[in-house]
Amino acid sequence: MEEVRKIYDKAFKEKAVQLSYERTNVSELAREVEITSPQLHTDRKSSRNLEKEVFLGKEI
């Protein structure tokens, strides 16, 4: 069985990162928005490191 990868748009990622800074439990937030905790941490790191291009990768 082939694994289907989900692709999230920039607005979704920005909102998830914003919410992650407002919450104390990032893992719980990741479950709520149905992404993995490591992906949320990666997006947080990307948003801190890049000023103009917040997220690299595919966008729908």
PDB file of N, CA and C in Angstrom:
ATOM      1  N   MET A   1       0.843  -1.179   0.000  1.00  0.00           N
ATOM      2  CA  MET A   1       0.000   0.000   0.000  1.00  0.00           C
ATOM      3  C   MET A   1       0.886   1.240   0.000  1.00  0.00           C
ATOM      4  N   GLU A   2       0.561   2.164  -0.855  1.00  0.00           N
ATOM      5  CA  GLU A   2       1.367   3.361  -1.029  1.00  0.00           C
ATOM      6  C   GLU A   2       0.948   4.445  -0.035  1.00  0.00           C
ATOM      7  N   GLU A   3       1.947   5.089   0.576  1.00  0.00           N
ATOM      8  CA  GLU A   3       1.666   6.152   1.538  1.00  0.00           C
ATOM      9  C   GLU A   3       1.377   7.454   0.793  1.00  0.00           C
ATOM     10  N   VAL A   4       0.313   8.132   1.178  1.00  0.00           N
ATOM     11  CA  VAL A   4      -0.075   9.384   0.548  1.00  0.00           C
ATOM     12  C   VAL A   4       0.434  10.531   1.413  1.00  0.00           C
ATOM     13  N   ARG A   5       1.251  11.403   0.815  1.00  0.00           N
ATOM     14  CA  ARG A   5       1.789  12.539   1.545  1.00  0.00           C
ATOM     15  C   ARG A   5       0.846  13.720   1.410  1.00  0.00           C
ATOM     16  N   LYS A   6       0.584  14.365   2.524  1.00  0.00           N
ATOM     17  CA  LYS A   6      -0.255  15.548   2.502  1.00  0.00           C
ATOM     18  C   LYS A   6       0.621  16.765   2.260  1.00  0.00           C
ATOM     19  N   ILE A   7       0.105  17.711   1.505  1.00  0.00           N
ATOM     20  CA  ILE A   7       0.815  18.961   1.237  1.00  0.00           C
ATOM     21  C   ILE A   7      -0.030  20.091   1.805  1.00  0.00           C
ATOM     22  N   TYR A   8       0.592  20.873   2.675  1.00  0.00           N
ATOM     23  CA  TYR A   8      -0.116  21.965   3.339  1.00  0.00           C
ATOM     24  C   TYR A   8       0.324  23.290   2.745  1.00  0.00           C
ATOM     25  N   ASP A   9      -0.612  24.217   2.579  1.00  0.00           N
ATOM     26  CA  ASP A   9      -0.268  25.505   2.001  1.00  0.00           C
ATOM     27  C   ASP A   9       0.391  26.410   3.046  1.00  0.00           C
ATOM     28  N   LYS A  10       0.934  27.506   2.559  1.00  0.00           N
ATOM     29  CA  LYS A  10       1.685  28.438   3.391  1.00  0.00           C
ATOM     30  C   LYS A  10       0.829  29.013   4.524  1.00  0.00           C
ATOM     31  N   ALA A  11      -0.409  29.339   4.244  1.00  0.00           N
ATOM     32  CA  ALA A  11      -1.299  29.924   5.260  1.00  0.00           C
ATOM     33  C   ALA A  11      -1.536  28.942   6.406  1.00  0.00           C
ATOM     34  N   PHE A  12      -1.722  27.668   6.080  1.00  0.00           N
ATOM     35  CA  PHE A  12      -1.917  26.653   7.113  1.00  0.00           C
ATOM     36  C   PHE A  12      -0.685  26.551   8.004  1.00  0.00           C
ATOM     37  N   LYS A  13       0.493  26.524   7.378  1.00  0.00           N
ATOM     38  CA  LYS A  13       1.734  26.412   8.138  1.00  0.00           C
ATOM     39  C   LYS A  13       1.949  27.629   9.029  1.00  0.00           C
ATOM     40  N   GLU A  14       1.691  28.816   8.493  1.00  0.00           N
ATOM     41  CA  GLU A  14       1.859  30.037   9.287  1.00  0.00           C
ATOM     42  C   GLU A  14       0.931  30.041  10.494  1.00  0.00           C
ATOM     43  N   LYS A  15      -0.309  29.615  10.306  1.00  0.00           N
ATOM     44  CA  LYS A  15      -1.275  29.576  11.404  1.00  0.00           C
ATOM     45  C   LYS A  15      -0.863  28.541  12.449  1.00  0.00           C
ATOM     46  N   ALA A  16      -0.398  27.384  12.004  1.00  0.00           N
ATOM     47  CA  ALA A  16       0.044  26.341  12.933  1.00  0.00           C
ATOM     48  C   ALA A  16       1.240  26.821  13.752  1.00  0.00           C
ATOM     49  N   VAL A  17       2.173  27.496  13.110  1.00  0.00           N
ATOM     50  CA  VAL A  17       3.342  28.029  13.829  1.00  0.00           C
ATOM     51  C   VAL A  17       2.906  29.089  14.829  1.00  0.00           C
ATOM     52  N   GLN A  18       2.013  29.968  14.407  1.00  0.00           N
ATOM     53  CA  GLN A  18       1.511  31.013  15.305  1.00  0.00           C
ATOM     54  C   GLN A  18       0.844  30.389  16.532  1.00  0.00           C
ATOM     55  N   LEU A  19       0.003  29.402  16.315  1.00  0.00           N
ATOM     56  CA  LEU A  19      -0.664  28.724  17.425  1.00  0.00           C
ATOM     57  C   LEU A  19       0.327  28.006  18.328  1.00  0.00           C
ATOM     58  N   SER A  20       1.403  27.477  17.741  1.00  0.00           N
ATOM     59  CA  SER A  20       2.379  26.735  18.543  1.00  0.00           C
ATOM     60  C   SER A  20       3.093  27.631  19.549  1.00  0.00           C
ATOM     61  N   TYR A  21       3.233  28.907  19.212  1.00  0.00           N
ATOM     62  CA  TYR A  21       3.857  29.838  20.159  1.00  0.00           C
ATOM     63  C   TYR A  21       2.877  30.280  21.243  1.00  0.00           C
ATOM     64  N   GLU A  22       1.589  30.132  20.985  1.00  0.00           N
ATOM     65  CA  GLU A  22       0.573  30.504  21.969  1.00  0.00           C
ATOM     66  C   GLU A  22       0.270  29.358  22.936  1.00  0.00           C
ATOM     67  N   ARG A  23       0.614  28.137  22.556  1.00  0.00           N
ATOM     68  CA  ARG A  23       0.320  26.956  23.372  1.00  0.00           C
ATOM     69  C   ARG A  23       1.545  26.521  24.158  1.00  0.00           C
ATOM     70  N   THR A  24       1.312  25.757  25.197  1.00  0.00           N
ATOM     71  CA  THR A  24       2.426  25.210  25.966  1.00  0.00           C
ATOM     72  C   THR A  24       2.792  23.806  25.502  1.00  0.00           C
ATOM     73  N   ASN A  25       1.849  23.081  24.895  1.00  0.00           N
ATOM     74  CA  ASN A  25       2.093  21.716  24.465  1.00  0.00           C
ATOM     75  C   ASN A  25       2.021  21.631  22.936  1.00  0.00           C
ATOM     76  N   VAL A  26       3.186  21.634  22.295  1.00  0.00           N
ATOM     77  CA  VAL A  26       3.256  21.622  20.834  1.00  0.00           C
ATOM     78  C   VAL A  26       2.785  20.281  20.272  1.00  0.00           C
ATOM     79  N   SER A  27       3.083  19.198  20.956  1.00  0.00           N
ATOM     80  CA  SER A  27       2.663  17.877  20.482  1.00  0.00           C
ATOM     81  C   SER A  27       1.143  17.753  20.428  1.00  0.00           C
ATOM     82  N   GLU A  28       0.483  18.292  21.416  1.00  0.00           N
ATOM     83  CA  GLU A  28      -0.979  18.260  21.447  1.00  0.00           C
ATOM     84  C   GLU A  28      -1.554  19.077  20.290  1.00  0.00           C
ATOM     85  N   LEU A  29      -0.976  20.240  20.040  1.00  0.00           N
ATOM     86  CA  LEU A  29      -1.424  21.072  18.920  1.00  0.00           C
ATOM     87  C   LEU A  29      -1.240  20.333  17.596  1.00  0.00           C
ATOM     88  N   ALA A  30      -0.097  19.682  17.436  1.00  0.00           N
ATOM     89  CA  ALA A  30       0.165  18.940  16.201  1.00  0.00           C
ATOM     90  C   ALA A  30      -0.912  17.881  15.965  1.00  0.00           C
ATOM     91  N   ARG A  31      -1.306  17.185  17.014  1.00  0.00           N
ATOM     92  CA  ARG A  31      -2.380  16.189  16.875  1.00  0.00           C
ATOM     93  C   ARG A  31      -3.693  16.860  16.488  1.00  0.00           C
ATOM     94  N   GLU A  32      -3.971  18.018  17.079  1.00  0.00           N
ATOM     95  CA  GLU A  32      -5.226  18.722  16.783  1.00  0.00           C
ATOM     96  C   GLU A  32      -5.317  19.155  15.330  1.00  0.00           C
ATOM     97  N   VAL A  33      -4.217  19.635  14.763  1.00  0.00           N
ATOM     98  CA  VAL A  33      -4.241  20.109  13.371  1.00  0.00           C
ATOM     99  C   VAL A  33      -3.836  19.014  12.390  1.00  0.00           C
ATOM    100  N   GLU A  34      -3.640  17.795  12.920  1.00  0.00           N
ATOM    101  CA  GLU A  34      -3.378  16.601  12.123  1.00  0.00           C
ATOM    102  C   GLU A  34      -2.099  16.677  11.306  1.00  0.00           C
ATOM    103  N   ILE A  35      -1.024  17.131  11.962  1.00  0.00           N
ATOM    104  CA  ILE A  35       0.314  17.055  11.381  1.00  0.00           C
ATOM    105  C   ILE A  35       1.217  16.399  12.422  1.00  0.00           C
ATOM    106  N   THR A  36       2.411  16.023  12.009  1.00  0.00           N
ATOM    107  CA  THR A  36       3.319  15.401  12.958  1.00  0.00           C
ATOM    108  C   THR A  36       4.027  16.467  13.783  1.00  0.00           C
ATOM    109  N   SER A  37       4.380  16.096  14.984  1.00  0.00           N
ATOM    110  CA  SER A  37       5.100  17.007  15.866  1.00  0.00           C
ATOM    111  C   SER A  37       6.449  17.430  15.259  1.00  0.00           C
ATOM    112  N   PRO A  38       7.232  16.489  14.683  1.00  0.00           N
ATOM    113  CA  PRO A  38       8.492  16.905  14.054  1.00  0.00           C
ATOM    114  C   PRO A  38       8.285  17.906  12.913  1.00  0.00           C
ATOM    115  N   GLN A  39       7.204  17.752  12.156  1.00  0.00           N
ATOM    116  CA  GLN A  39       6.949  18.695  11.066  1.00  0.00           C
ATOM    117  C   GLN A  39       6.650  20.082  11.620  1.00  0.00           C
ATOM    118  N   LEU A  40       5.897  20.151  12.697  1.00  0.00           N
ATOM    119  CA  LEU A  40       5.590  21.441  13.309  1.00  0.00           C
ATOM    120  C   LEU A  40       6.862  22.098  13.844  1.00  0.00           C
ATOM    121  N   HIS A  41       7.733  21.311  14.443  1.00  0.00           N
ATOM    122  CA  HIS A  41       8.999  21.858  14.932  1.00  0.00           C
ATOM    123  C   HIS A  41       9.870  22.345  13.775  1.00  0.00           C
ATOM    124  N   THR A  42       9.855  21.616  12.658  1.00  0.00           N
ATOM    125  CA  THR A  42      10.605  22.032  11.471  1.00  0.00           C
ATOM    126  C   THR A  42      10.059  23.350  10.930  1.00  0.00           C
ATOM    127  N   ASP A  43       8.745  23.487  10.877  1.00  0.00           N
ATOM    128  CA  ASP A  43       8.135  24.724  10.395  1.00  0.00           C
ATOM    129  C   ASP A  43       8.448  25.893  11.323  1.00  0.00           C
ATOM    130  N   ARG A  44       8.473  25.634  12.629  1.00  0.00           N
ATOM    131  CA  ARG A  44       8.835  26.691  13.589  1.00  0.00           C
ATOM    132  C   ARG A  44      10.268  27.149  13.361  1.00  0.00           C
ATOM    133  N   LYS A  45      11.155  26.189  13.154  1.00  0.00           N
ATOM    134  CA  LYS A  45      12.564  26.514  12.918  1.00  0.00           C
ATOM    135  C   LYS A  45      12.718  27.311  11.626  1.00  0.00           C
ATOM    136  N   SER A  46      12.008  26.895  10.591  1.00  0.00           N
ATOM    137  CA  SER A  46      12.064  27.604   9.307  1.00  0.00           C
ATOM    138  C   SER A  46      11.564  29.032   9.444  1.00  0.00           C
ATOM    139  N   SER A  47      10.516  29.223  10.229  1.00  0.00           N
ATOM    140  CA  SER A  47       9.963  30.567  10.373  1.00  0.00           C
ATOM    141  C   SER A  47      10.910  31.479  11.136  1.00  0.00           C
ATOM    142  N   ARG A  48      11.727  30.924  12.017  1.00  0.00           N
ATOM    143  CA  ARG A  48      12.700  31.738  12.745  1.00  0.00           C
ATOM    144  C   ARG A  48      13.900  32.080  11.883  1.00  0.00           C
ATOM    145  N   ASN A  49      14.310  31.147  11.018  1.00  0.00           N
ATOM    146  CA  ASN A  49      15.528  31.318  10.237  1.00  0.00           C
ATOM    147  C   ASN A  49      15.356  32.157   8.982  1.00  0.00           C
ATOM    148  N   LEU A  50      14.176  32.169   8.428  1.00  0.00           N
ATOM    149  CA  LEU A  50      13.958  32.864   7.161  1.00  0.00           C
ATOM    150  C   LEU A  50      13.013  34.038   7.363  1.00  0.00           C
ATOM    151  N   GLU A  51      13.422  35.210   6.925  1.00  0.00           N
ATOM    152  CA  GLU A  51      12.568  36.382   7.103  1.00  0.00           C
ATOM    153  C   GLU A  51      11.611  36.570   5.929  1.00  0.00           C
ATOM    154  N   LYS A  52      12.101  36.486   4.711  1.00  0.00           N
ATOM    155  CA  LYS A  52      11.245  36.747   3.549  1.00  0.00           C
ATOM    156  C   LYS A  52      10.458  35.508   3.150  1.00  0.00           C
ATOM    157  N   GLU A  53      11.132  34.406   2.910  1.00  0.00           N
ATOM    158  CA  GLU A  53      10.476  33.154   2.547  1.00  0.00           C
ATOM    159  C   GLU A  53      10.318  32.337   3.808  1.00  0.00           C
ATOM    160  N   VAL A  54       9.139  32.334   4.371  1.00  0.00           N
ATOM    161  CA  VAL A  54       8.914  31.660   5.640  1.00  0.00           C
ATOM    162  C   VAL A  54       9.062  30.154   5.482  1.00  0.00           C
ATOM    163  N   PHE A  55       8.519  29.592   4.433  1.00  0.00           N
ATOM    164  CA  PHE A  55       8.552  28.154   4.270  1.00  0.00           C
ATOM    165  C   PHE A  55       9.029  27.811   2.869  1.00  0.00           C
ATOM    166  N   LEU A  56       9.971  26.911   2.810  1.00  0.00           N
ATOM    167  CA  LEU A  56      10.402  26.384   1.527  1.00  0.00           C
ATOM    168  C   LEU A  56       9.597  25.131   1.250  1.00  0.00           C
ATOM    169  N   GLY A  57       9.491  24.763   0.027  1.00  0.00           N
ATOM    170  CA  GLY A  57       8.758  23.556  -0.307  1.00  0.00           C
ATOM    171  C   GLY A  57       7.622  23.854  -1.237  1.00  0.00           C
ATOM    172  N   LYS A  58       6.815  22.860  -1.463  1.00  0.00           N
ATOM    173  CA  LYS A  58       5.723  22.982  -2.416  1.00  0.00           C
ATOM    174  C   LYS A  58       4.558  23.745  -1.807  1.00  0.00           C
ATOM    175  N   GLU A  59       3.922  24.492  -2.656  1.00  0.00           N
ATOM    176  CA  GLU A  59       2.715  25.212  -2.252  1.00  0.00           C
ATOM    177  C   GLU A  59       1.644  24.966  -3.280  1.00  0.00           C
ATOM    178  N   ILE A  60       0.459  24.761  -2.827  1.00  0.00           N
ATOM    179  CA  ILE A  60      -0.646  24.473  -3.747  1.00  0.00           C
ATOM    180  C   ILE A  60      -1.152  25.770  -4.330  1.00  0.00           C
TER     181      ILE A  60
END
